[in-house]
Protein backbone atom coordinates (compact mmCIF):
# COMPACT_ATOMS: atom_id res chain seq x y z
CA MET A 1 -0.19 0.03 0.29
CA ALA A 2 1.50 3.25 -0.96
CA LEU A 3 1.52 6.23 1.15
CA PRO A 4 -0.28 9.50 -0.77
CA LYS A 5 2.30 11.85 -1.47
CA LEU A 6 1.17 14.34 1.26
CA GLN A 7 1.94 11.81 3.96
CA PHE A 8 5.34 11.12 2.74
CA VAL A 9 6.30 14.98 2.73
CA VAL A 10 4.95 15.41 5.77
CA ILE A 11 7.52 12.37 7.08
CA PHE A 12 10.27 13.47 4.88
CA VAL A 13 10.02 17.15 6.70
CA LEU A 14 10.03 15.82 10.23
CA CYS A 15 12.73 13.40 9.69
CA SER A 16 14.74 16.44 8.06
CA LEU A 17 13.91 18.49 11.02
CA LEU A 18 14.77 15.98 13.77
CA VAL A 19 18.43 15.36 12.02
CA THR A 20 19.22 18.96 11.80
CA CYS A 21 18.36 19.60 15.40
CA GLN A 22 20.47 16.74 16.47
CA SER A 23 23.19 17.72 14.09
CA LYS A 24 23.28 21.20 15.53
CA ASP A 25 23.70 20.35 19.09
CA VAL A 26 26.57 17.32 18.27
CA ARG A 27 28.52 20.81 16.08
CA GLU A 28 28.12 22.98 19.04
CA ASN A 29 29.32 20.44 21.63
CA ALA A 30 32.44 19.59 19.47
CA ALA A 31 32.87 23.42 19.06
CA HIS A 32 33.16 23.95 23.00
CA PRO A 33 33.62 20.38 24.65
CA SER A 34 34.52 21.93 28.12
CA HIS A 35 33.76 25.63 28.05
CA CYS A 36 37.54 26.10 29.47
CA VAL A 37 39.98 28.66 28.34
CA TYR A 38 43.15 26.84 29.81
CA LYS A 39 45.59 29.60 31.48
CA GLY A 40 49.09 28.50 33.31
CA LEU A 41 49.98 25.88 35.63
CA CYS A 42 48.56 25.29 39.29
CA VAL A 43 48.77 23.07 42.29
CA SER A 44 45.17 24.38 43.64
CA ASN A 45 42.25 26.28 42.71
CA PRO A 46 43.49 29.49 44.72
CA ASP A 47 46.43 29.26 42.38
CA CYS A 48 43.79 30.16 39.44
CA LYS A 49 42.35 32.98 40.77
CA SER A 50 44.90 35.63 39.47
CA GLN A 51 44.88 33.99 36.31
CA CYS A 52 41.38 33.64 35.50
CA GLY A 53 40.29 37.40 36.55
CA PRO A 54 40.29 40.83 35.21
CA PRO A 55 41.44 42.38 32.94
CA GLU A 56 41.61 39.34 30.72
CA PHE A 57 38.59 37.42 31.70
CA PRO A 58 35.30 38.81 33.44
CA PRO A 59 34.83 39.15 37.26
CA GLU A 60 32.31 35.98 37.43
CA THR A 61 34.76 33.57 35.58
CA ILE A 62 35.58 30.86 37.74
CA GLY A 63 39.33 28.86 38.21
CA LEU A 64 39.66 25.64 38.43
CA CYS A 65 42.59 23.49 38.75
CA GLN A 66 42.64 20.44 36.50
CA ALA A 67 44.45 17.68 35.20
CA SER A 68 46.24 18.86 31.86
CA PRO A 69 44.41 17.55 28.67
CA ARG A 70 47.72 16.62 27.71
CA GLY A 71 48.80 14.91 30.70
CA HIS A 72 51.26 17.18 31.74
CA GLY A 73 50.76 18.45 35.32
CA ASN A 74 47.94 20.57 36.38
CA ILE A 75 46.50 23.53 34.55
CA CYS A 76 43.90 26.13 35.40
CA CYS A 77 40.48 25.82 33.56
CA CYS A 78 38.85 29.33 33.25
CA ALA A 79 35.33 28.94 32.92
CA LYS A 80 31.96 31.24 33.20
CA ASP A 81 29.75 29.77 36.27
């Protein structure tokens, strides 16, 4: 039993919208995987306070001491709250 053309078009449009929306989310997450700007070495979170503050970053920026993505010690992750 063949679907009428209108039903086919409606199903096609819905599938296209679904794929487009899912692709957009994947692209945004790939572009900003961690939302961090890595700045300088650290031992603990207080070490990142000056590196993640003004004038380079807004006052609401949080500085977290995290393991380096490349595995070379710890590095400050400057991120908005």
